[in-house]
Amino acid sequence: MDINTLRIVTTVVSFIVFIGILIWVWRNRNTSDFKDAANLPFKDD
């Protein structure tokens, strides 16, 4: 395995992880959790 094959594999794996994160974020059941987290800085102590 040369360095270029390793670079290709790393790029493909990174892209698959990126797509997985996008799918996880855009699922409807996570929407309320993300809205709550987005409003945390605005809540009073």
PDB file of N, CA and C in Angstrom:
ATOM      1  N   MET A   1       0.857  -1.172   0.000  1.00  0.00           N
ATOM      2  CA  MET A   1       0.000   0.000   0.000  1.00  0.00           C
ATOM      3  C   MET A   1       0.903   1.235   0.000  1.00  0.00           C
ATOM      4  N   ASP A   2       0.759   2.042  -1.015  1.00  0.00           N
ATOM      5  CA  ASP A   2       1.562   3.256  -1.043  1.00  0.00           C
ATOM      6  C   ASP A   2       0.790   4.422  -0.430  1.00  0.00           C
ATOM      7  N   ILE A   3       1.427   5.562  -0.348  1.00  0.00           N
ATOM      8  CA  ILE A   3       0.846   6.725   0.331  1.00  0.00           C
ATOM      9  C   ILE A   3      -0.402   7.240  -0.382  1.00  0.00           C
ATOM     10  N   ASN A   4      -0.464   7.140  -1.698  1.00  0.00           N
ATOM     11  CA  ASN A   4      -1.634   7.632  -2.431  1.00  0.00           C
ATOM     12  C   ASN A   4      -2.871   6.786  -2.148  1.00  0.00           C
ATOM     13  N   THR A   5      -2.712   5.482  -2.016  1.00  0.00           N
ATOM     14  CA  THR A   5      -3.837   4.615  -1.663  1.00  0.00           C
ATOM     15  C   THR A   5      -4.339   4.952  -0.269  1.00  0.00           C
ATOM     16  N   LEU A   6      -3.422   5.194   0.649  1.00  0.00           N
ATOM     17  CA  LEU A   6      -3.805   5.579   2.000  1.00  0.00           C
ATOM     18  C   LEU A   6      -4.565   6.906   2.005  1.00  0.00           C
ATOM     19  N   ARG A   7      -4.136   7.844   1.188  1.00  0.00           N
ATOM     20  CA  ARG A   7      -4.828   9.138   1.083  1.00  0.00           C
ATOM     21  C   ARG A   7      -6.233   8.966   0.517  1.00  0.00           C
ATOM     22  N   ILE A   8      -6.373   8.109  -0.483  1.00  0.00           N
ATOM     23  CA  ILE A   8      -7.688   7.864  -1.083  1.00  0.00           C
ATOM     24  C   ILE A   8      -8.627   7.240  -0.058  1.00  0.00           C
ATOM     25  N   VAL A   9      -8.145   6.237   0.657  1.00  0.00           N
ATOM     26  CA  VAL A   9      -8.971   5.565   1.660  1.00  0.00           C
ATOM     27  C   VAL A   9      -9.372   6.539   2.756  1.00  0.00           C
ATOM     28  N   THR A  10      -8.445   7.373   3.204  1.00  0.00           N
ATOM     29  CA  THR A  10      -8.746   8.364   4.242  1.00  0.00           C
ATOM     30  C   THR A  10      -9.790   9.363   3.762  1.00  0.00           C
ATOM     31  N   THR A  11      -9.685   9.793   2.524  1.00  0.00           N
ATOM     32  CA  THR A  11     -10.660  10.736   1.977  1.00  0.00           C
ATOM     33  C   THR A  11     -12.047  10.115   1.881  1.00  0.00           C
ATOM     34  N   VAL A  12     -12.127   8.888   1.409  1.00  0.00           N
ATOM     35  CA  VAL A  12     -13.421   8.210   1.267  1.00  0.00           C
ATOM     36  C   VAL A  12     -14.052   7.971   2.638  1.00  0.00           C
ATOM     37  N   VAL A  13     -13.265   7.521   3.608  1.00  0.00           N
ATOM     38  CA  VAL A  13     -13.790   7.284   4.957  1.00  0.00           C
ATOM     39  C   VAL A  13     -14.256   8.588   5.586  1.00  0.00           C
ATOM     40  N   SER A  14     -13.502   9.658   5.397  1.00  0.00           N
ATOM     41  CA  SER A  14     -13.893  10.963   5.937  1.00  0.00           C
ATOM     42  C   SER A  14     -15.200  11.443   5.312  1.00  0.00           C
ATOM     43  N   PHE A  15     -15.363  11.237   4.022  1.00  0.00           N
ATOM     44  CA  PHE A  15     -16.593  11.643   3.345  1.00  0.00           C
ATOM     45  C   PHE A  15     -17.785  10.839   3.864  1.00  0.00           C
ATOM     46  N   ILE A  16     -17.601   9.548   4.080  1.00  0.00           N
ATOM     47  CA  ILE A  16     -18.684   8.711   4.601  1.00  0.00           C
ATOM     48  C   ILE A  16     -19.069   9.150   6.011  1.00  0.00           C
ATOM     49  N   VAL A  17     -18.088   9.477   6.833  1.00  0.00           N
ATOM     50  CA  VAL A  17     -18.374   9.969   8.189  1.00  0.00           C
ATOM     51  C   VAL A  17     -19.109  11.302   8.117  1.00  0.00           C
ATOM     52  N   PHE A  18     -18.708  12.174   7.215  1.00  0.00           N
ATOM     53  CA  PHE A  18     -19.368  13.465   7.036  1.00  0.00           C
ATOM     54  C   PHE A  18     -20.834  13.275   6.649  1.00  0.00           C
ATOM     55  N   ILE A  19     -21.109  12.408   5.715  1.00  0.00           N
ATOM     56  CA  ILE A  19     -22.487  12.138   5.294  1.00  0.00           C
ATOM     57  C   ILE A  19     -23.283  11.549   6.463  1.00  0.00           C
ATOM     58  N   GLY A  20     -22.659  10.678   7.246  1.00  0.00           N
ATOM     59  CA  GLY A  20     -23.325  10.107   8.411  1.00  0.00           C
ATOM     60  C   GLY A  20     -23.696  11.166   9.435  1.00  0.00           C
ATOM     61  N   ILE A  21     -22.804  12.117   9.661  1.00  0.00           N
ATOM     62  CA  ILE A  21     -23.102  13.215  10.592  1.00  0.00           C
ATOM     63  C   ILE A  21     -24.242  14.069  10.063  1.00  0.00           C
ATOM     64  N   LEU A  22     -24.246  14.353   8.773  1.00  0.00           N
ATOM     65  CA  LEU A  22     -25.344  15.140   8.185  1.00  0.00           C
ATOM     66  C   LEU A  22     -26.687  14.427   8.357  1.00  0.00           C
ATOM     67  N   ILE A  23     -26.723  13.143   8.122  1.00  0.00           N
ATOM     68  CA  ILE A  23     -27.969  12.388   8.289  1.00  0.00           C
ATOM     69  C   ILE A  23     -28.407  12.414   9.744  1.00  0.00           C
ATOM     70  N   TRP A  24     -27.468  12.251  10.669  1.00  0.00           N
ATOM     71  CA  TRP A  24     -27.792  12.260  12.095  1.00  0.00           C
ATOM     72  C   TRP A  24     -28.355  13.615  12.526  1.00  0.00           C
ATOM     73  N   VAL A  25     -27.786  14.695  12.011  1.00  0.00           N
ATOM     74  CA  VAL A  25     -28.229  16.034  12.397  1.00  0.00           C
ATOM     75  C   VAL A  25     -29.611  16.343  11.834  1.00  0.00           C
ATOM     76  N   TRP A  26     -29.897  15.954  10.624  1.00  0.00           N
ATOM     77  CA  TRP A  26     -31.143  16.333   9.969  1.00  0.00           C
ATOM     78  C   TRP A  26     -32.306  15.400  10.248  1.00  0.00           C
ATOM     79  N   ARG A  27     -32.118  14.396  11.102  1.00  0.00           N
ATOM     80  CA  ARG A  27     -33.244  13.541  11.470  1.00  0.00           C
ATOM     81  C   ARG A  27     -34.229  14.325  12.340  1.00  0.00           C
ATOM     82  N   ASN A  28     -35.510  14.079  12.171  1.00  0.00           N
ATOM     83  CA  ASN A  28     -36.542  14.855  12.863  1.00  0.00           C
ATOM     84  C   ASN A  28     -36.548  14.628  14.369  1.00  0.00           C
ATOM     85  N   ARG A  29     -36.164  13.464  14.829  1.00  0.00           N
ATOM     86  CA  ARG A  29     -36.244  13.217  16.271  1.00  0.00           C
ATOM     87  C   ARG A  29     -35.182  13.968  17.059  1.00  0.00           C
ATOM     88  N   ASN A  30     -34.158  14.484  16.405  1.00  0.00           N
ATOM     89  CA  ASN A  30     -33.113  15.241  17.087  1.00  0.00           C
ATOM     90  C   ASN A  30     -33.388  16.742  17.095  1.00  0.00           C
ATOM     91  N   THR A  31     -34.406  17.186  16.426  1.00  0.00           N
ATOM     92  CA  THR A  31     -34.663  18.610  16.265  1.00  0.00           C
ATOM     93  C   THR A  31     -34.875  19.317  17.603  1.00  0.00           C
ATOM     94  N   SER A  32     -35.653  18.745  18.478  1.00  0.00           N
ATOM     95  CA  SER A  32     -35.930  19.410  19.755  1.00  0.00           C
ATOM     96  C   SER A  32     -34.669  19.504  20.618  1.00  0.00           C
ATOM     97  N   ASP A  33     -33.838  18.486  20.581  1.00  0.00           N
ATOM     98  CA  ASP A  33     -32.590  18.533  21.350  1.00  0.00           C
ATOM     99  C   ASP A  33     -31.682  19.649  20.863  1.00  0.00           C
ATOM    100  N   PHE A  34     -31.585  19.808  19.553  1.00  0.00           N
ATOM    101  CA  PHE A  34     -30.724  20.853  19.003  1.00  0.00           C
ATOM    102  C   PHE A  34     -31.303  22.247  19.254  1.00  0.00           C
ATOM    103  N   LYS A  35     -32.614  22.383  19.233  1.00  0.00           N
ATOM    104  CA  LYS A  35     -33.221  23.681  19.539  1.00  0.00           C
ATOM    105  C   LYS A  35     -32.979  24.060  20.992  1.00  0.00           C
ATOM    106  N   ASP A  36     -33.087  23.094  21.891  1.00  0.00           N
ATOM    107  CA  ASP A  36     -32.801  23.358  23.300  1.00  0.00           C
ATOM    108  C   ASP A  36     -31.338  23.755  23.489  1.00  0.00           C
ATOM    109  N   ALA A  37     -30.433  23.067  22.826  1.00  0.00           N
ATOM    110  CA  ALA A  37     -29.007  23.381  22.941  1.00  0.00           C
ATOM    111  C   ALA A  37     -28.689  24.754  22.346  1.00  0.00           C
ATOM    112  N   ALA A  38     -29.385  25.139  21.293  1.00  0.00           N
ATOM    113  CA  ALA A  38     -29.141  26.440  20.665  1.00  0.00           C
ATOM    114  C   ALA A  38     -29.591  27.587  21.562  1.00  0.00           C
ATOM    115  N   ASN A  39     -30.578  27.351  22.418  1.00  0.00           N
ATOM    116  CA  ASN A  39     -31.095  28.400  23.288  1.00  0.00           C
ATOM    117  C   ASN A  39     -30.406  28.475  24.646  1.00  0.00           C
ATOM    118  N   LEU A  40     -29.491  27.580  24.933  1.00  0.00           N
ATOM    119  CA  LEU A  40     -28.798  27.577  26.222  1.00  0.00           C
ATOM    120  C   LEU A  40     -28.085  28.898  26.555  1.00  0.00           C
ATOM    121  N   PRO A  41     -27.405  29.545  25.618  1.00  0.00           N
ATOM    122  CA  PRO A  41     -26.728  30.795  25.964  1.00  0.00           C
ATOM    123  C   PRO A  41     -27.687  31.919  26.367  1.00  0.00           C
ATOM    124  N   PHE A  42     -28.941  31.823  25.970  1.00  0.00           N
ATOM    125  CA  PHE A  42     -29.889  32.889  26.235  1.00  0.00           C
ATOM    126  C   PHE A  42     -30.691  32.703  27.525  1.00  0.00           C
ATOM    127  N   LYS A  43     -30.541  31.551  28.168  1.00  0.00           N
ATOM    128  CA  LYS A  43     -31.286  31.295  29.403  1.00  0.00           C
ATOM    129  C   LYS A  43     -30.606  32.002  30.562  1.00  0.00           C
ATOM    130  N   ASP A  44     -31.431  32.521  31.461  1.00  0.00           N
ATOM    131  CA  ASP A  44     -30.908  33.168  32.667  1.00  0.00           C
ATOM    132  C   ASP A  44     -30.531  32.127  33.696  1.00  0.00           C
ATOM    133  N   ASP A  45     -29.576  32.466  34.522  1.00  0.00           N
ATOM    134  CA  ASP A  45     -29.145  31.522  35.563  1.00  0.00           C
ATOM    135  C   ASP A  45     -30.121  31.501  36.710  1.00  0.00           C
TER     136      ASP A  45
END
